[in-house]
Amino acid sequence: MSHQDEQLKKIVDSIIVAHHDDPMDCETCSRELDCLAERVAMGANLSDLLPEVEYHLQCCRDCREEFEALVSILKAELGGEITHSS
């Protein structure tokens, strides 16, 4: 298991334990967006990574728009369309 996979598993486990009976809220979802957006930009399927976040994104337009923007930016960076200037 790669380091990123281990980190993701820890995130998933902590969310499941912390929110076992509670619905996901925007604050919780927001904390996970960076890591998940990076994985999705690299080709991972969000529903395989964290279905609770996927469900929240289906229900919350603001979080969905933020997530989609992050994924778009990361895909552009990975494809060399955006470069960081020093």
N, C-alpha and C. Protein backbone atom coordinates (compact mmCIF):
# COMPACT_ATOMS: atom_id res chain seq x y z
N MET A 1 0.85 -1.18 0.00
CA MET A 1 0.00 0.00 0.00
C MET A 1 0.89 1.23 0.00
N SER A 2 0.64 2.16 -0.91
CA SER A 2 1.46 3.36 -1.01
C SER A 2 1.18 4.31 0.15
N HIS A 3 2.07 5.26 0.32
CA HIS A 3 1.93 6.26 1.39
C HIS A 3 0.62 7.04 1.23
N GLN A 4 0.30 7.42 -0.01
CA GLN A 4 -0.95 8.16 -0.25
C GLN A 4 -2.16 7.32 0.09
N ASP A 5 -2.11 6.04 -0.26
CA ASP A 5 -3.23 5.15 0.06
C ASP A 5 -3.40 4.99 1.56
N GLU A 6 -2.29 4.92 2.28
CA GLU A 6 -2.35 4.82 3.73
C GLU A 6 -2.96 6.09 4.33
N GLN A 7 -2.55 7.25 3.81
CA GLN A 7 -3.11 8.51 4.29
C GLN A 7 -4.61 8.57 4.02
N LEU A 8 -5.00 8.17 2.83
CA LEU A 8 -6.41 8.20 2.47
C LEU A 8 -7.22 7.25 3.36
N LYS A 9 -6.68 6.08 3.63
CA LYS A 9 -7.37 5.13 4.50
C LYS A 9 -7.56 5.74 5.89
N LYS A 10 -6.54 6.42 6.42
CA LYS A 10 -6.65 7.07 7.72
C LYS A 10 -7.74 8.14 7.70
N ILE A 11 -7.81 8.91 6.61
CA ILE A 11 -8.84 9.94 6.49
C ILE A 11 -10.22 9.30 6.48
N VAL A 12 -10.37 8.26 5.66
CA VAL A 12 -11.66 7.57 5.56
C VAL A 12 -12.06 7.00 6.92
N ASP A 13 -11.12 6.31 7.57
CA ASP A 13 -11.42 5.73 8.88
C ASP A 13 -11.83 6.78 9.89
N SER A 14 -11.13 7.92 9.92
CA SER A 14 -11.46 8.96 10.88
C SER A 14 -12.82 9.59 10.59
N ILE A 15 -13.15 9.75 9.33
CA ILE A 15 -14.46 10.31 8.98
C ILE A 15 -15.58 9.34 9.38
N ILE A 16 -15.36 8.08 9.08
CA ILE A 16 -16.38 7.08 9.41
C ILE A 16 -16.62 7.03 10.91
N VAL A 17 -15.55 7.03 11.69
CA VAL A 17 -15.69 6.99 13.15
C VAL A 17 -16.33 8.27 13.66
N ALA A 18 -15.87 9.41 13.19
CA ALA A 18 -16.36 10.70 13.70
C ALA A 18 -17.79 11.00 13.28
N HIS A 19 -18.20 10.47 12.13
CA HIS A 19 -19.52 10.83 11.59
C HIS A 19 -20.39 9.62 11.35
N HIS A 20 -20.24 8.60 12.20
CA HIS A 20 -20.97 7.36 11.99
C HIS A 20 -22.48 7.59 11.89
N ASP A 21 -23.03 8.40 12.77
CA ASP A 21 -24.48 8.64 12.76
C ASP A 21 -24.86 10.00 12.22
N ASP A 22 -23.90 10.84 11.95
CA ASP A 22 -24.18 12.20 11.52
C ASP A 22 -23.99 12.34 10.01
N PRO A 23 -24.84 13.15 9.36
CA PRO A 23 -24.60 13.42 7.94
C PRO A 23 -23.36 14.30 7.77
N MET A 24 -22.71 14.19 6.63
CA MET A 24 -21.53 15.01 6.35
C MET A 24 -21.97 16.47 6.19
N ASP A 25 -21.23 17.35 6.81
CA ASP A 25 -21.52 18.78 6.65
C ASP A 25 -20.46 19.42 5.76
N CYS A 26 -20.69 20.65 5.41
CA CYS A 26 -19.78 21.36 4.50
C CYS A 26 -18.38 21.50 5.09
N GLU A 27 -18.26 21.75 6.36
CA GLU A 27 -16.95 21.93 6.98
C GLU A 27 -16.13 20.63 6.89
N THR A 28 -16.76 19.51 7.20
CA THR A 28 -16.08 18.23 7.12
C THR A 28 -15.69 17.92 5.68
N CYS A 29 -16.60 18.15 4.77
CA CYS A 29 -16.35 17.90 3.35
C CYS A 29 -15.18 18.76 2.88
N SER A 30 -15.18 20.02 3.26
CA SER A 30 -14.15 20.95 2.82
C SER A 30 -12.76 20.51 3.25
N ARG A 31 -12.65 19.91 4.43
CA ARG A 31 -11.34 19.46 4.92
C ARG A 31 -10.77 18.35 4.05
N GLU A 32 -11.61 17.62 3.34
CA GLU A 32 -11.17 16.48 2.55
C GLU A 32 -10.97 16.81 1.07
N LEU A 33 -11.45 17.97 0.62
CA LEU A 33 -11.49 18.26 -0.81
C LEU A 33 -10.13 18.29 -1.47
N ASP A 34 -9.12 18.88 -0.85
CA ASP A 34 -7.79 18.97 -1.48
C ASP A 34 -7.22 17.60 -1.81
N CYS A 35 -7.21 16.73 -0.82
CA CYS A 35 -6.65 15.39 -1.00
C CYS A 35 -7.46 14.61 -2.03
N LEU A 36 -8.77 14.68 -1.92
CA LEU A 36 -9.62 13.93 -2.85
C LEU A 36 -9.54 14.48 -4.26
N ALA A 37 -9.49 15.80 -4.40
CA ALA A 37 -9.40 16.41 -5.73
C ALA A 37 -8.11 15.97 -6.42
N GLU A 38 -7.04 15.90 -5.66
CA GLU A 38 -5.76 15.46 -6.24
C GLU A 38 -5.87 14.03 -6.74
N ARG A 39 -6.47 13.16 -5.94
CA ARG A 39 -6.61 11.76 -6.35
C ARG A 39 -7.52 11.62 -7.57
N VAL A 40 -8.62 12.36 -7.60
CA VAL A 40 -9.55 12.31 -8.73
C VAL A 40 -8.89 12.87 -9.98
N ALA A 41 -8.11 13.93 -9.84
CA ALA A 41 -7.40 14.51 -10.98
C ALA A 41 -6.43 13.51 -11.59
N MET A 42 -5.92 12.60 -10.76
CA MET A 42 -4.99 11.58 -11.24
C MET A 42 -5.71 10.33 -11.74
N GLY A 43 -7.05 10.37 -11.74
CA GLY A 43 -7.81 9.28 -12.33
C GLY A 43 -8.60 8.41 -11.38
N ALA A 44 -8.52 8.66 -10.09
CA ALA A 44 -9.28 7.86 -9.13
C ALA A 44 -10.77 8.20 -9.23
N ASN A 45 -11.59 7.27 -8.82
CA ASN A 45 -13.04 7.45 -8.82
C ASN A 45 -13.46 7.87 -7.42
N LEU A 46 -14.11 9.02 -7.31
CA LEU A 46 -14.50 9.56 -6.01
C LEU A 46 -15.37 8.58 -5.23
N SER A 47 -16.28 7.90 -5.90
CA SER A 47 -17.16 6.97 -5.18
C SER A 47 -16.38 5.80 -4.59
N ASP A 48 -15.24 5.45 -5.18
CA ASP A 48 -14.40 4.40 -4.62
C ASP A 48 -13.60 4.91 -3.43
N LEU A 49 -13.26 6.19 -3.44
CA LEU A 49 -12.43 6.76 -2.38
C LEU A 49 -13.24 7.08 -1.13
N LEU A 50 -14.29 7.84 -1.32
CA LEU A 50 -15.06 8.31 -0.17
C LEU A 50 -16.49 8.60 -0.58
N PRO A 51 -17.35 7.59 -0.58
CA PRO A 51 -18.72 7.77 -1.05
C PRO A 51 -19.51 8.83 -0.26
N GLU A 52 -19.15 9.03 1.02
CA GLU A 52 -19.87 10.03 1.82
C GLU A 52 -19.66 11.42 1.26
N VAL A 53 -18.44 11.70 0.81
CA VAL A 53 -18.16 13.01 0.21
C VAL A 53 -18.87 13.12 -1.13
N GLU A 54 -18.85 12.05 -1.90
CA GLU A 54 -19.55 12.07 -3.19
C GLU A 54 -21.03 12.40 -2.99
N TYR A 55 -21.65 11.77 -2.00
CA TYR A 55 -23.06 12.04 -1.72
C TYR A 55 -23.25 13.50 -1.33
N HIS A 56 -22.38 14.01 -0.47
CA HIS A 56 -22.49 15.42 -0.06
C HIS A 56 -22.35 16.35 -1.27
N LEU A 57 -21.41 16.04 -2.16
CA LEU A 57 -21.22 16.88 -3.34
C LEU A 57 -22.44 16.87 -4.26
N GLN A 58 -23.15 15.75 -4.28
CA GLN A 58 -24.38 15.68 -5.08
C GLN A 58 -25.47 16.58 -4.49
N CYS A 59 -25.42 16.76 -3.18
CA CYS A 59 -26.46 17.53 -2.49
C CYS A 59 -26.10 19.00 -2.28
N CYS A 60 -24.82 19.33 -2.31
CA CYS A 60 -24.38 20.68 -1.97
C CYS A 60 -23.68 21.33 -3.16
N ARG A 61 -24.34 22.28 -3.76
CA ARG A 61 -23.79 22.94 -4.95
C ARG A 61 -22.49 23.68 -4.68
N ASP A 62 -22.39 24.36 -3.55
CA ASP A 62 -21.18 25.13 -3.23
C ASP A 62 -19.96 24.22 -3.11
N CYS A 63 -20.09 23.14 -2.38
CA CYS A 63 -18.97 22.20 -2.22
C CYS A 63 -18.65 21.54 -3.55
N ARG A 64 -19.67 21.18 -4.31
CA ARG A 64 -19.45 20.55 -5.62
C ARG A 64 -18.69 21.47 -6.56
N GLU A 65 -19.07 22.75 -6.60
CA GLU A 65 -18.39 23.71 -7.46
C GLU A 65 -16.93 23.89 -7.04
N GLU A 66 -16.67 23.95 -5.74
CA GLU A 66 -15.30 24.08 -5.24
C GLU A 66 -14.49 22.84 -5.64
N PHE A 67 -15.07 21.65 -5.45
CA PHE A 67 -14.39 20.41 -5.79
C PHE A 67 -14.09 20.34 -7.28
N GLU A 68 -15.08 20.66 -8.11
CA GLU A 68 -14.88 20.61 -9.56
C GLU A 68 -13.81 21.60 -10.02
N ALA A 69 -13.77 22.77 -9.40
CA ALA A 69 -12.75 23.76 -9.74
C ALA A 69 -11.36 23.24 -9.36
N LEU A 70 -11.23 22.65 -8.17
CA LEU A 70 -9.95 22.09 -7.75
C LEU A 70 -9.48 21.00 -8.70
N VAL A 71 -10.39 20.09 -9.06
CA VAL A 71 -10.04 19.00 -9.98
C VAL A 71 -9.60 19.57 -11.32
N SER A 72 -10.31 20.56 -11.83
CA SER A 72 -9.95 21.17 -13.12
C SER A 72 -8.56 21.80 -13.08
N ILE A 73 -8.27 22.51 -12.02
CA ILE A 73 -6.96 23.15 -11.88
C ILE A 73 -5.86 22.10 -11.79
N LEU A 74 -6.09 21.07 -10.98
CA LEU A 74 -5.08 20.02 -10.83
C LEU A 74 -4.86 19.25 -12.13
N LYS A 75 -5.93 18.98 -12.86
CA LYS A 75 -5.78 18.30 -14.15
C LYS A 75 -4.97 19.17 -15.12
N ALA A 76 -5.23 20.47 -15.11
CA ALA A 76 -4.49 21.38 -15.98
C ALA A 76 -3.01 21.41 -15.59
N GLU A 77 -2.73 21.40 -14.30
CA GLU A 77 -1.34 21.37 -13.84
C GLU A 77 -0.67 20.06 -14.25
N LEU A 78 -1.36 18.95 -14.04
CA LEU A 78 -0.80 17.65 -14.40
C LEU A 78 -0.57 17.52 -15.90
N GLY A 79 -1.42 18.18 -16.68
CA GLY A 79 -1.29 18.13 -18.14
C GLY A 79 -0.33 19.17 -18.69
N GLY A 80 0.28 19.95 -17.82
CA GLY A 80 1.26 20.95 -18.25
C GLY A 80 0.64 22.22 -18.80
N GLU A 81 -0.67 22.38 -18.65
CA GLU A 81 -1.34 23.57 -19.15
C GLU A 81 -1.13 24.77 -18.24
N ILE A 82 -0.84 24.50 -16.97
CA ILE A 82 -0.59 25.56 -15.99
C ILE A 82 0.78 25.27 -15.37
N THR A 83 1.60 26.29 -15.30
CA THR A 83 2.88 26.14 -14.63
C THR A 83 2.98 27.15 -13.51
N HIS A 84 3.74 26.80 -12.51
CA HIS A 84 3.98 27.72 -11.38
C HIS A 84 5.17 28.59 -11.71
N SER A 85 5.01 29.88 -11.52
CA SER A 85 6.15 30.78 -11.73
C SER A 85 6.85 30.98 -10.40
N SER A 86 8.17 31.10 -10.44
CA SER A 86 8.94 31.25 -9.20
C SER A 86 9.29 32.68 -8.98
